[in-house]
Amino acid sequence: QVQLVESGGGLVQAGGSLRLSCAASGSIFRSNFMGWYRQAPGKQRELLAVISSGGSTNYADSVKGRFAISRDNAKNTVYLQMNSLKPEDTAVYYCNLRNGPSEYWGKGTLVTVSS
């Protein structure tokens, strides 16, 4: 069974930075995609960034230039560096793993950006 555990959320002032981490454990294929999503109150979950096991990345326009996704394959861990945070970035942030035919989600970590 695959498990994803996020960490690094919290309260930060506008303009500040946070780094989220997500550690995956279990039976994980060498070739996979890991990503970050978020869901704000009353809104749909949105894709922020995704990274392949080879290091290729894609970003949503809303975070391009401010957020950076990276991963450590040896640790099966993906990171999301978030800079220049805005109050509208307030949401629960979820880690996602696409592992072969299966997809897994973490439980989420809350990020609150105060103005």
PDB file of N, CA and C in Angstrom:
ATOM      1  N   GLN A   1       0.848  -1.189   0.000  1.00  0.00           N
ATOM      2  CA  GLN A   1       0.000   0.000   0.000  1.00  0.00           C
ATOM      3  C   GLN A   1       0.883   1.238   0.000  1.00  0.00           C
ATOM      4  N   VAL A   2       0.489   2.214  -0.777  1.00  0.00           N
ATOM      5  CA  VAL A   2       1.247   3.464  -0.873  1.00  0.00           C
ATOM      6  C   VAL A   2       0.645   4.503   0.064  1.00  0.00           C
ATOM      7  N   GLN A   3       1.501   5.201   0.776  1.00  0.00           N
ATOM      8  CA  GLN A   3       1.062   6.304   1.643  1.00  0.00           C
ATOM      9  C   GLN A   3       1.839   7.562   1.309  1.00  0.00           C
ATOM     10  N   LEU A   4       1.146   8.693   1.383  1.00  0.00           N
ATOM     11  CA  LEU A   4       1.757   9.993   1.168  1.00  0.00           C
ATOM     12  C   LEU A   4       1.535  10.827   2.421  1.00  0.00           C
ATOM     13  N   VAL A   5       2.604  11.434   2.914  1.00  0.00           N
ATOM     14  CA  VAL A   5       2.500  12.252   4.117  1.00  0.00           C
ATOM     15  C   VAL A   5       3.096  13.621   3.826  1.00  0.00           C
ATOM     16  N   GLU A   6       2.228  14.648   3.885  1.00  0.00           N
ATOM     17  CA  GLU A   6       2.670  16.019   3.653  1.00  0.00           C
ATOM     18  C   GLU A   6       3.093  16.678   4.971  1.00  0.00           C
ATOM     19  N   SER A   7       3.962  17.660   4.840  1.00  0.00           N
ATOM     20  CA  SER A   7       4.360  18.470   5.983  1.00  0.00           C
ATOM     21  C   SER A   7       4.810  19.833   5.476  1.00  0.00           C
ATOM     22  N   GLY A   8       4.881  20.789   6.399  1.00  0.00           N
ATOM     23  CA  GLY A   8       5.418  22.095   6.055  1.00  0.00           C
ATOM     24  C   GLY A   8       4.411  23.216   5.951  1.00  0.00           C
ATOM     25  N   GLY A   9       3.130  22.889   6.078  1.00  0.00           N
ATOM     26  CA  GLY A   9       2.128  23.954   6.030  1.00  0.00           C
ATOM     27  C   GLY A   9       2.159  24.796   7.289  1.00  0.00           C
ATOM     28  N   GLY A  10       1.407  25.881   7.253  1.00  0.00           N
ATOM     29  CA  GLY A  10       1.338  26.752   8.420  1.00  0.00           C
ATOM     30  C   GLY A  10       0.843  28.122   8.046  1.00  0.00           C
ATOM     31  N   LEU A  11       1.063  29.057   8.975  1.00  0.00           N
ATOM     32  CA  LEU A  11       0.636  30.433   8.808  1.00  0.00           C
ATOM     33  C   LEU A  11       1.835  31.291   8.407  1.00  0.00           C
ATOM     34  N   VAL A  12       1.648  32.087   7.374  1.00  0.00           N
ATOM     35  CA  VAL A  12       2.729  32.954   6.902  1.00  0.00           C
ATOM     36  C   VAL A  12       2.129  34.278   6.449  1.00  0.00           C
ATOM     37  N   GLN A  13       2.894  35.332   6.568  1.00  0.00           N
ATOM     38  CA  GLN A  13       2.426  36.636   6.105  1.00  0.00           C
ATOM     39  C   GLN A  13       2.574  36.749   4.593  1.00  0.00           C
ATOM     40  N   ALA A  14       1.756  37.590   4.008  1.00  0.00           N
ATOM     41  CA  ALA A  14       1.856  37.836   2.574  1.00  0.00           C
ATOM     42  C   ALA A  14       3.272  38.278   2.219  1.00  0.00           C
ATOM     43  N   GLY A  15       3.766  37.735   1.115  1.00  0.00           N
ATOM     44  CA  GLY A  15       5.127  38.008   0.697  1.00  0.00           C
ATOM     45  C   GLY A  15       6.145  37.012   1.220  1.00  0.00           C
ATOM     46  N   GLY A  16       5.714  36.191   2.153  1.00  0.00           N
ATOM     47  CA  GLY A  16       6.616  35.212   2.749  1.00  0.00           C
ATOM     48  C   GLY A  16       6.741  33.944   1.933  1.00  0.00           C
ATOM     49  N   SER A  17       7.460  32.985   2.505  1.00  0.00           N
ATOM     50  CA  SER A  17       7.735  31.721   1.809  1.00  0.00           C
ATOM     51  C   SER A  17       7.455  30.541   2.725  1.00  0.00           C
ATOM     52  N   LEU A  18       7.130  29.434   2.102  1.00  0.00           N
ATOM     53  CA  LEU A  18       6.985  28.159   2.791  1.00  0.00           C
ATOM     54  C   LEU A  18       7.501  27.057   1.875  1.00  0.00           C
ATOM     55  N   ARG A  19       7.943  25.973   2.474  1.00  0.00           N
ATOM     56  CA  ARG A  19       8.358  24.805   1.712  1.00  0.00           C
ATOM     57  C   ARG A  19       7.573  23.595   2.202  1.00  0.00           C
ATOM     58  N   LEU A  20       6.816  23.021   1.302  1.00  0.00           N
ATOM     59  CA  LEU A  20       6.064  21.819   1.612  1.00  0.00           C
ATOM     60  C   LEU A  20       6.859  20.583   1.206  1.00  0.00           C
ATOM     61  N   SER A  21       6.683  19.527   1.976  1.00  0.00           N
ATOM     62  CA  SER A  21       7.311  18.248   1.655  1.00  0.00           C
ATOM     63  C   SER A  21       6.249  17.163   1.627  1.00  0.00           C
ATOM     64  N   CYS A  22       6.489  16.140   0.831  1.00  0.00           N
ATOM     65  CA  CYS A  22       5.588  14.993   0.764  1.00  0.00           C
ATOM     66  C   CYS A  22       6.429  13.746   0.588  1.00  0.00           C
ATOM     67  N   ALA A  23       6.359  12.878   1.578  1.00  0.00           N
ATOM     68  CA  ALA A  23       7.122  11.637   1.538  1.00  0.00           C
ATOM     69  C   ALA A  23       6.200  10.480   1.169  1.00  0.00           C
ATOM     70  N   ALA A  24       6.603   9.733   0.163  1.00  0.00           N
ATOM     71  CA  ALA A  24       5.835   8.576  -0.277  1.00  0.00           C
ATOM     72  C   ALA A  24       6.498   7.307   0.223  1.00  0.00           C
ATOM     73  N   SER A  25       5.676   6.365   0.657  1.00  0.00           N
ATOM     74  CA  SER A  25       6.199   5.070   1.096  1.00  0.00           C
ATOM     75  C   SER A  25       5.346   3.959   0.519  1.00  0.00           C
ATOM     76  N   GLY A  26       5.937   2.774   0.427  1.00  0.00           N
ATOM     77  CA  GLY A  26       5.215   1.640  -0.132  1.00  0.00           C
ATOM     78  C   GLY A  26       5.822   1.205  -1.448  1.00  0.00           C
ATOM     79  N   SER A  27       5.006   0.526  -2.233  1.00  0.00           N
ATOM     80  CA  SER A  27       5.466  -0.013  -3.511  1.00  0.00           C
ATOM     81  C   SER A  27       5.337   1.056  -4.591  1.00  0.00           C
ATOM     82  N   ILE A  28       6.447   1.690  -4.916  1.00  0.00           N
ATOM     83  CA  ILE A  28       6.450   2.817  -5.848  1.00  0.00           C
ATOM     84  C   ILE A  28       7.266   2.466  -7.076  1.00  0.00           C
ATOM     85  N   PHE A  29       6.670   2.662  -8.250  1.00  0.00           N
ATOM     86  CA  PHE A  29       7.361   2.396  -9.487  1.00  0.00           C
ATOM     87  C   PHE A  29       8.469   3.410  -9.706  1.00  0.00           C
ATOM     88  N   ARG A  30       9.506   2.979 -10.390  1.00  0.00           N
ATOM     89  CA  ARG A  30      10.633   3.876 -10.669  1.00  0.00           C
ATOM     90  C   ARG A  30      10.174   5.054 -11.535  1.00  0.00           C
ATOM     91  N   SER A  31       9.266   4.791 -12.453  1.00  0.00           N
ATOM     92  CA  SER A  31       8.751   5.845 -13.319  1.00  0.00           C
ATOM     93  C   SER A  31       7.381   6.271 -12.800  1.00  0.00           C
ATOM     94  N   ASN A  32       7.296   7.507 -12.359  1.00  0.00           N
ATOM     95  CA  ASN A  32       6.026   7.982 -11.803  1.00  0.00           C
ATOM     96  C   ASN A  32       5.971   9.505 -11.898  1.00  0.00           C
ATOM     97  N   PHE A  33       4.840  10.036 -11.550  1.00  0.00           N
ATOM     98  CA  PHE A  33       4.640  11.486 -11.517  1.00  0.00           C
ATOM     99  C   PHE A  33       4.161  11.869 -10.125  1.00  0.00           C
ATOM    100  N   MET A  34       4.763  12.912  -9.582  1.00  0.00           N
ATOM    101  CA  MET A  34       4.319  13.449  -8.302  1.00  0.00           C
ATOM    102  C   MET A  34       3.914  14.906  -8.502  1.00  0.00           C
ATOM    103  N   GLY A  35       2.906  15.303  -7.788  1.00  0.00           N
ATOM    104  CA  GLY A  35       2.420  16.659  -7.994  1.00  0.00           C
ATOM    105  C   GLY A  35       1.809  17.249  -6.747  1.00  0.00           C
ATOM    106  N   TRP A  36       1.511  18.524  -6.846  1.00  0.00           N
ATOM    107  CA  TRP A  36       0.859  19.265  -5.783  1.00  0.00           C
ATOM    108  C   TRP A  36      -0.424  19.895  -6.325  1.00  0.00           C
ATOM    109  N   TYR A  37      -1.466  19.772  -5.532  1.00  0.00           N
ATOM    110  CA  TYR A  37      -2.749  20.402  -5.801  1.00  0.00           C
ATOM    111  C   TYR A  37      -3.118  21.241  -4.579  1.00  0.00           C
ATOM    112  N   ARG A  38      -4.115  22.074  -4.751  1.00  0.00           N
ATOM    113  CA  ARG A  38      -4.660  22.787  -3.598  1.00  0.00           C
ATOM    114  C   ARG A  38      -6.159  22.966  -3.760  1.00  0.00           C
ATOM    115  N   GLN A  39      -6.802  23.123  -2.620  1.00  0.00           N
ATOM    116  CA  GLN A  39      -8.239  23.377  -2.627  1.00  0.00           C
ATOM    117  C   GLN A  39      -8.560  24.435  -1.597  1.00  0.00           C
ATOM    118  N   ALA A  40      -9.059  25.552  -2.076  1.00  0.00           N
ATOM    119  CA  ALA A  40      -9.484  26.638  -1.213  1.00  0.00           C
ATOM    120  C   ALA A  40     -10.954  26.433  -0.850  1.00  0.00           C
ATOM    121  N   PRO A  41     -11.404  27.025   0.253  1.00  0.00           N
ATOM    122  CA  PRO A  41     -12.810  26.866   0.658  1.00  0.00           C
ATOM    123  C   PRO A  41     -13.766  27.284  -0.449  1.00  0.00           C
ATOM    124  N   GLY A  42     -14.704  26.404  -0.764  1.00  0.00           N
ATOM    125  CA  GLY A  42     -15.702  26.709  -1.768  1.00  0.00           C
ATOM    126  C   GLY A  42     -15.234  26.603  -3.201  1.00  0.00           C
ATOM    127  N   LYS A  43     -14.009  26.129  -3.394  1.00  0.00           N
ATOM    128  CA  LYS A  43     -13.464  26.028  -4.752  1.00  0.00           C
ATOM    129  C   LYS A  43     -13.076  24.590  -5.063  1.00  0.00           C
ATOM    130  N   GLN A  44     -12.912  24.327  -6.348  1.00  0.00           N
ATOM    131  CA  GLN A  44     -12.485  22.995  -6.767  1.00  0.00           C
ATOM    132  C   GLN A  44     -10.991  22.822  -6.539  1.00  0.00           C
ATOM    133  N   ARG A  45     -10.595  21.569  -6.417  1.00  0.00           N
ATOM    134  CA  ARG A  45      -9.169  21.272  -6.286  1.00  0.00           C
ATOM    135  C   ARG A  45      -8.483  21.595  -7.608  1.00  0.00           C
ATOM    136  N   GLU A  46      -7.334  22.288  -7.529  1.00  0.00           N
ATOM    137  CA  GLU A  46      -6.625  22.672  -8.739  1.00  0.00           C
ATOM    138  C   GLU A  46      -5.200  22.149  -8.721  1.00  0.00           C
ATOM    139  N   LEU A  47      -4.737  21.780  -9.905  1.00  0.00           N
ATOM    140  CA  LEU A  47      -3.367  21.326 -10.070  1.00  0.00           C
ATOM    141  C   LEU A  47      -2.428  22.525 -10.052  1.00  0.00           C
ATOM    142  N   LEU A  48      -1.360  22.428  -9.263  1.00  0.00           N
ATOM    143  CA  LEU A  48      -0.376  23.509  -9.191  1.00  0.00           C
ATOM    144  C   LEU A  48       0.882  23.172  -9.980  1.00  0.00           C
ATOM    145  N   ALA A  49       1.412  21.982  -9.757  1.00  0.00           N
ATOM    146  CA  ALA A  49       2.681  21.613 -10.372  1.00  0.00           C
ATOM    147  C   ALA A  49       2.816  20.101 -10.363  1.00  0.00           C
ATOM    148  N   VAL A  50       3.521  19.597 -11.358  1.00  0.00           N
ATOM    149  CA  VAL A  50       3.774  18.162 -11.439  1.00  0.00           C
ATOM    150  C   VAL A  50       5.200  17.952 -11.896  1.00  0.00           C
ATOM    151  N   ILE A  51       5.812  16.866 -11.414  1.00  0.00           N
ATOM    152  CA  ILE A  51       7.179  16.548 -11.779  1.00  0.00           C
ATOM    153  C   ILE A  51       7.288  15.047 -12.034  1.00  0.00           C
ATOM    154  N   SER A  52       7.953  14.709 -13.116  1.00  0.00           N
ATOM    155  CA  SER A  52       8.163  13.300 -13.438  1.00  0.00           C
ATOM    156  C   SER A  52       9.370  12.768 -12.664  1.00  0.00           C
ATOM    157  N   SER A  53       9.518  11.469 -12.660  1.00  0.00           N
ATOM    158  CA  SER A  53      10.680  10.883 -11.994  1.00  0.00           C
ATOM    159  C   SER A  53      11.966  11.283 -12.707  1.00  0.00           C
ATOM    160  N   GLY A  54      11.849  11.712 -13.950  1.00  0.00           N
ATOM    161  CA  GLY A  54      13.010  12.187 -14.692  1.00  0.00           C
ATOM    162  C   GLY A  54      13.306  13.654 -14.485  1.00  0.00           C
ATOM    163  N   GLY A  55      12.404  14.345 -13.770  1.00  0.00           N
ATOM    164  CA  GLY A  55      12.649  15.744 -13.444  1.00  0.00           C
ATOM    165  C   GLY A  55      11.925  16.763 -14.311  1.00  0.00           C
ATOM    166  N   SER A  56      11.139  16.318 -15.266  1.00  0.00           N
ATOM    167  CA  SER A  56      10.371  17.265 -16.090  1.00  0.00           C
ATOM    168  C   SER A  56       9.245  17.854 -15.253  1.00  0.00           C
ATOM    169  N   THR A  57       9.025  19.158 -15.429  1.00  0.00           N
ATOM    170  CA  THR A  57       8.038  19.848 -14.606  1.00  0.00           C
ATOM    171  C   THR A  57       7.018  20.595 -15.459  1.00  0.00           C
ATOM    172  N   ASN A  58       5.853  20.792 -14.876  1.00  0.00           N
ATOM    173  CA  ASN A  58       4.818  21.639 -15.456  1.00  0.00           C
ATOM    174  C   ASN A  58       4.139  22.385 -14.323  1.00  0.00           C
ATOM    175  N   TYR A  59       3.754  23.639 -14.614  1.00  0.00           N
ATOM    176  CA  TYR A  59       3.149  24.485 -13.592  1.00  0.00           C
ATOM    177  C   TYR A  59       1.848  25.103 -14.102  1.00  0.00           C
ATOM    178  N   ALA A  60       0.958  25.336 -13.159  1.00  0.00           N
ATOM    179  CA  ALA A  60      -0.213  26.136 -13.465  1.00  0.00           C
ATOM    180  C   ALA A  60       0.216  27.591 -13.626  1.00  0.00           C
ATOM    181  N   ASP A  61      -0.480  28.321 -14.479  1.00  0.00           N
ATOM    182  CA  ASP A  61      -0.129  29.724 -14.708  1.00  0.00           C
ATOM    183  C   ASP A  61      -0.204  30.544 -13.414  1.00  0.00           C
ATOM    184  N   SER A  62      -1.097  30.148 -12.516  1.00  0.00           N
ATOM    185  CA  SER A  62      -1.310  30.922 -11.296  1.00  0.00           C
ATOM    186  C   SER A  62      -0.109  30.902 -10.357  1.00  0.00           C
ATOM    187  N   VAL A  63       0.769  29.922 -10.523  1.00  0.00           N
ATOM    188  CA  VAL A  63       1.911  29.835  -9.611  1.00  0.00           C
ATOM    189  C   VAL A  63       3.255  29.871 -10.334  1.00  0.00           C
ATOM    190  N   LYS A  64       3.213  29.929 -11.638  1.00  0.00           N
ATOM    191  CA  LYS A  64       4.455  29.932 -12.408  1.00  0.00           C
ATOM    192  C   LYS A  64       5.300  31.147 -12.026  1.00  0.00           C
ATOM    193  N   GLY A  65       6.559  30.911 -11.737  1.00  0.00           N
ATOM    194  CA  GLY A  65       7.460  31.984 -11.338  1.00  0.00           C
ATOM    195  C   GLY A  65       7.508  32.225  -9.840  1.00  0.00           C
ATOM    196  N   ARG A  66       6.524  31.709  -9.109  1.00  0.00           N
ATOM    197  CA  ARG A  66       6.510  31.886  -7.648  1.00  0.00           C
ATOM    198  C   ARG A  66       6.755  30.561  -6.912  1.00  0.00           C
ATOM    199  N   PHE A  67       6.240  29.480  -7.466  1.00  0.00           N
ATOM    200  CA  PHE A  67       6.378  28.158  -6.840  1.00  0.00           C
ATOM    201  C   PHE A  67       7.354  27.308  -7.645  1.00  0.00           C
ATOM    202  N   ALA A  68       8.055  26.432  -6.960  1.00  0.00           N
ATOM    203  CA  ALA A  68       8.979  25.513  -7.627  1.00  0.00           C
ATOM    204  C   ALA A  68       8.828  24.121  -7.044  1.00  0.00           C
ATOM    205  N   ILE A  69       8.641  23.146  -7.927  1.00  0.00           N
ATOM    206  CA  ILE A  69       8.512  21.760  -7.500  1.00  0.00           C
ATOM    207  C   ILE A  69       9.837  21.047  -7.740  1.00  0.00           C
ATOM    208  N   SER A  70      10.198  20.182  -6.823  1.00  0.00           N
ATOM    209  CA  SER A  70      11.409  19.393  -6.970  1.00  0.00           C
ATOM    210  C   SER A  70      11.189  18.048  -6.282  1.00  0.00           C
ATOM    211  N   ARG A  71      12.113  17.128  -6.498  1.00  0.00           N
ATOM    212  CA  ARG A  71      11.949  15.825  -5.873  1.00  0.00           C
ATOM    213  C   ARG A  71      13.297  15.194  -5.606  1.00  0.00           C
ATOM    214  N   ASP A  72      13.281  14.287  -4.639  1.00  0.00           N
ATOM    215  CA  ASP A  72      14.444  13.475  -4.314  1.00  0.00           C
ATOM    216  C   ASP A  72      14.013  12.026  -4.507  1.00  0.00           C
ATOM    217  N   ASN A  73      14.416  11.436  -5.601  1.00  0.00           N
ATOM    218  CA  ASN A  73      13.962  10.082  -5.919  1.00  0.00           C
ATOM    219  C   ASN A  73      14.459   9.056  -4.907  1.00  0.00           C
ATOM    220  N   ALA A  74      15.630   9.287  -4.363  1.00  0.00           N
ATOM    221  CA  ALA A  74      16.169   8.344  -3.386  1.00  0.00           C
ATOM    222  C   ALA A  74      15.307   8.297  -2.134  1.00  0.00           C
ATOM    223  N   LYS A  75      14.656   9.408  -1.829  1.00  0.00           N
ATOM    224  CA  LYS A  75      13.803   9.498  -0.644  1.00  0.00           C
ATOM    225  C   LYS A  75      12.320   9.408  -0.983  1.00  0.00           C
ATOM    226  N   ASN A  76      12.007   9.267  -2.277  1.00  0.00           N
ATOM    227  CA  ASN A  76      10.593   9.273  -2.711  1.00  0.00           C
ATOM    228  C   ASN A  76       9.850  10.464  -2.124  1.00  0.00           C
ATOM    229  N   THR A  77      10.486  11.613  -2.200  1.00  0.00           N
ATOM    230  CA  THR A  77       9.936  12.825  -1.599  1.00  0.00           C
ATOM    231  C   THR A  77       9.851  13.911  -2.650  1.00  0.00           C
ATOM    232  N   VAL A  78       8.736  14.629  -2.615  1.00  0.00           N
ATOM    233  CA  VAL A  78       8.547  15.771  -3.502  1.00  0.00           C
ATOM    234  C   VAL A  78       8.380  17.021  -2.642  1.00  0.00           C
ATOM    235  N   TYR A  79       8.866  18.128  -3.158  1.00  0.00           N
ATOM    236  CA  TYR A  79       8.845  19.396  -2.434  1.00  0.00           C
ATOM    237  C   TYR A  79       8.117  20.454  -3.257  1.00  0.00           C
ATOM    238  N   LEU A  80       7.581  21.432  -2.563  1.00  0.00           N
ATOM    239  CA  LEU A  80       7.009  22.596  -3.225  1.00  0.00           C
ATOM    240  C   LEU A  80       7.509  23.830  -2.486  1.00  0.00           C
ATOM    241  N   GLN A  81       8.409  24.554  -3.122  1.00  0.00           N
ATOM    242  CA  GLN A  81       8.889  25.819  -2.582  1.00  0.00           C
ATOM    243  C   GLN A  81       7.947  26.912  -3.032  1.00  0.00           C
ATOM    244  N   MET A  82       7.361  27.606  -2.086  1.00  0.00           N
ATOM    245  CA  MET A  82       6.379  28.636  -2.391  1.00  0.00           C
ATOM    246  C   MET A  82       6.905  29.987  -1.926  1.00  0.00           C
ATOM    247  N   ASN A  83       7.090  30.891  -2.864  1.00  0.00           N
ATOM    248  CA  ASN A  83       7.600  32.223  -2.572  1.00  0.00           C
ATOM    249  C   ASN A  83       6.561  33.275  -2.924  1.00  0.00           C
ATOM    250  N   SER A  84       6.775  34.469  -2.405  1.00  0.00           N
ATOM    251  CA  SER A  84       5.876  35.603  -2.690  1.00  0.00           C
ATOM    252  C   SER A  84       4.417  35.207  -2.485  1.00  0.00           C
ATOM    253  N   LEU A  85       4.153  34.599  -1.351  1.00  0.00           N
ATOM    254  CA  LEU A  85       2.809  34.091  -1.089  1.00  0.00           C
ATOM    255  C   LEU A  85       1.804  35.235  -0.967  1.00  0.00           C
ATOM    256  N   LYS A  86       0.580  34.944  -1.417  1.00  0.00           N
ATOM    257  CA  LYS A  86      -0.505  35.910  -1.404  1.00  0.00           C
ATOM    258  C   LYS A  86      -1.657  35.349  -0.580  1.00  0.00           C
ATOM    259  N   PRO A  87      -2.510  36.203  -0.064  1.00  0.00           N
ATOM    260  CA  PRO A  87      -3.668  35.687   0.692  1.00  0.00           C
ATOM    261  C   PRO A  87      -4.504  34.699  -0.118  1.00  0.00           C
ATOM    262  N   GLU A  88      -4.577  34.891  -1.412  1.00  0.00           N
ATOM    263  CA  GLU A  88      -5.353  33.963  -2.251  1.00  0.00           C
ATOM    264  C   GLU A  88      -4.693  32.598  -2.416  1.00  0.00           C
ATOM    265  N   ASP A  89      -3.479  32.445  -1.900  1.00  0.00           N
ATOM    266  CA  ASP A  89      -2.840  31.119  -1.896  1.00  0.00           C
ATOM    267  C   ASP A  89      -3.308  30.281  -0.707  1.00  0.00           C
ATOM    268  N   THR A  90      -4.104  30.872   0.171  1.00  0.00           N
ATOM    269  CA  THR A  90      -4.626  30.137   1.320  1.00  0.00           C
ATOM    270  C   THR A  90      -5.482  28.971   0.851  1.00  0.00           C
ATOM    271  N   ALA A  91      -5.135  27.766   1.315  1.00  0.00           N
ATOM    272  CA  ALA A  91      -5.828  26.555   0.866  1.00  0.00           C
ATOM    273  C   ALA A  91      -5.241  25.359   1.599  1.00  0.00           C
ATOM    274  N   VAL A  92      -5.882  24.221   1.413  1.00  0.00           N
ATOM    275  CA  VAL A  92      -5.283  22.949   1.810  1.00  0.00           C
ATOM    276  C   VAL A  92      -4.503  22.428   0.606  1.00  0.00           C
ATOM    277  N   TYR A  93      -3.258  22.098   0.832  1.00  0.00           N
ATOM    278  CA  TYR A  93      -2.375  21.639  -0.238  1.00  0.00           C
ATOM    279  C   TYR A  93      -2.225  20.121  -0.146  1.00  0.00           C
ATOM    280  N   TYR A  94      -2.420  19.466  -1.289  1.00  0.00           N
ATOM    281  CA  TYR A  94      -2.400  18.014  -1.351  1.00  0.00           C
ATOM    282  C   TYR A  94      -1.282  17.513  -2.253  1.00  0.00           C
ATOM    283  N   CYS A  95      -0.658  16.454  -1.818  1.00  0.00           N
ATOM    284  CA  CYS A  95       0.340  15.759  -2.613  1.00  0.00           C
ATOM    285  C   CYS A  95      -0.353  14.655  -3.409  1.00  0.00           C
ATOM    286  N   ASN A  96       0.120  14.421  -4.610  1.00  0.00           N
ATOM    287  CA  ASN A  96      -0.469  13.420  -5.487  1.00  0.00           C
ATOM    288  C   ASN A  96       0.631  12.570  -6.112  1.00  0.00           C
ATOM    289  N   LEU A  97       0.378  11.279  -6.202  1.00  0.00           N
ATOM    290  CA  LEU A  97       1.307  10.366  -6.854  1.00  0.00           C
ATOM    291  C   LEU A  97       0.555   9.547  -7.890  1.00  0.00           C
ATOM    292  N   ARG A  98       1.042   9.580  -9.112  1.00  0.00           N
ATOM    293  CA  ARG A  98       0.527   8.698 -10.160  1.00  0.00           C
ATOM    294  C   ARG A  98       1.549   7.589 -10.345  1.00  0.00           C
ATOM    295  N   ASN A  99       1.152   6.401  -9.901  1.00  0.00           N
ATOM    296  CA  ASN A  99       2.065   5.267  -9.790  1.00  0.00           C
ATOM    297  C   ASN A  99       1.528   4.129 -10.642  1.00  0.00           C
ATOM    298  N   GLY A 100       2.023   4.019 -11.881  1.00  0.00           N
ATOM    299  CA  GLY A 100       1.472   3.016 -12.779  1.00  0.00           C
ATOM    300  C   GLY A 100       0.004   3.324 -13.034  1.00  0.00           C
ATOM    301  N   PRO A 101      -0.872   2.323 -12.874  1.00  0.00           N
ATOM    302  CA  PRO A 101      -2.301   2.551 -13.124  1.00  0.00           C
ATOM    303  C   PRO A 101      -3.037   3.192 -11.951  1.00  0.00           C
ATOM    304  N   SER A 102      -2.349   3.429 -10.863  1.00  0.00           N
ATOM    305  CA  SER A 102      -3.001   3.905  -9.646  1.00  0.00           C
ATOM    306  C   SER A 102      -2.639   5.349  -9.336  1.00  0.00           C
ATOM    307  N   GLU A 103      -3.501   5.972  -8.539  1.00  0.00           N
ATOM    308  CA  GLU A 103      -3.298   7.344  -8.115  1.00  0.00           C
ATOM    309  C   GLU A 103      -3.538   7.424  -6.614  1.00  0.00           C
ATOM    310  N   TYR A 104      -2.679   8.162  -5.943  1.00  0.00           N
ATOM    311  CA  TYR A 104      -2.752   8.275  -4.495  1.00  0.00           C
ATOM    312  C   TYR A 104      -2.717   9.738  -4.074  1.00  0.00           C
ATOM    313  N   TRP A 105      -3.340   9.996  -2.917  1.00  0.00           N
ATOM    314  CA  TRP A 105      -3.406  11.349  -2.377  1.00  0.00           C
ATOM    315  C   TRP A 105      -2.957  11.358  -0.924  1.00  0.00           C
ATOM    316  N   GLY A 106      -2.305  12.440  -0.536  1.00  0.00           N
ATOM    317  CA  GLY A 106      -2.056  12.680   0.861  1.00  0.00           C
ATOM    318  C   GLY A 106      -3.300  13.275   1.513  1.00  0.00           C
ATOM    319  N   LYS A 107      -3.231  13.461   2.829  1.00  0.00           N
ATOM    320  CA  LYS A 107      -4.381  13.988   3.565  1.00  0.00           C
ATOM    321  C   LYS A 107      -4.445  15.505   3.511  1.00  0.00           C
ATOM    322  N   GLY A 108      -3.366  16.122   3.068  1.00  0.00           N
ATOM    323  CA  GLY A 108      -3.355  17.570   2.914  1.00  0.00           C
ATOM    324  C   GLY A 108      -2.708  18.299   4.081  1.00  0.00           C
ATOM    325  N   THR A 109      -2.191  19.479   3.775  1.00  0.00           N
ATOM    326  CA  THR A 109      -1.615  20.347   4.788  1.00  0.00           C
ATOM    327  C   THR A 109      -2.119  21.766   4.537  1.00  0.00           C
ATOM    328  N   LEU A 110      -2.530  22.436   5.590  1.00  0.00           N
ATOM    329  CA  LEU A 110      -3.151  23.747   5.467  1.00  0.00           C
ATOM    330  C   LEU A 110      -2.094  24.844   5.388  1.00  0.00           C
ATOM    331  N   VAL A 111      -2.249  25.693   4.401  1.00  0.00           N
ATOM    332  CA  VAL A 111      -1.422  26.886   4.259  1.00  0.00           C
ATOM    333  C   VAL A 111      -2.338  28.098   4.384  1.00  0.00           C
ATOM    334  N   THR A 112      -2.003  28.968   5.309  1.00  0.00           N
ATOM    335  CA  THR A 112      -2.778  30.185   5.517  1.00  0.00           C
ATOM    336  C   THR A 112      -1.860  31.378   5.338  1.00  0.00           C
ATOM    337  N   VAL A 113      -2.240  32.272   4.431  1.00  0.00           N
ATOM    338  CA  VAL A 113      -1.444  33.463   4.159  1.00  0.00           C
ATOM    339  C   VAL A 113      -2.225  34.670   4.645  1.00  0.00           C
ATOM    340  N   SER A 114      -1.675  35.370   5.602  1.00  0.00           N
ATOM    341  CA  SER A 114      -2.347  36.543   6.161  1.00  0.00           C
ATOM    342  C   SER A 114      -1.924  37.815   5.429  1.00  0.00           C
ATOM    343  N   SER A 115      -2.854  38.741   5.351  1.00  0.00           N
ATOM    344  CA  SER A 115      -2.565  40.001   4.634  1.00  0.00           C
ATOM    345  C   SER A 115      -1.971  41.045   5.566  1.00  0.00           C
TER     346      SER A 115
END
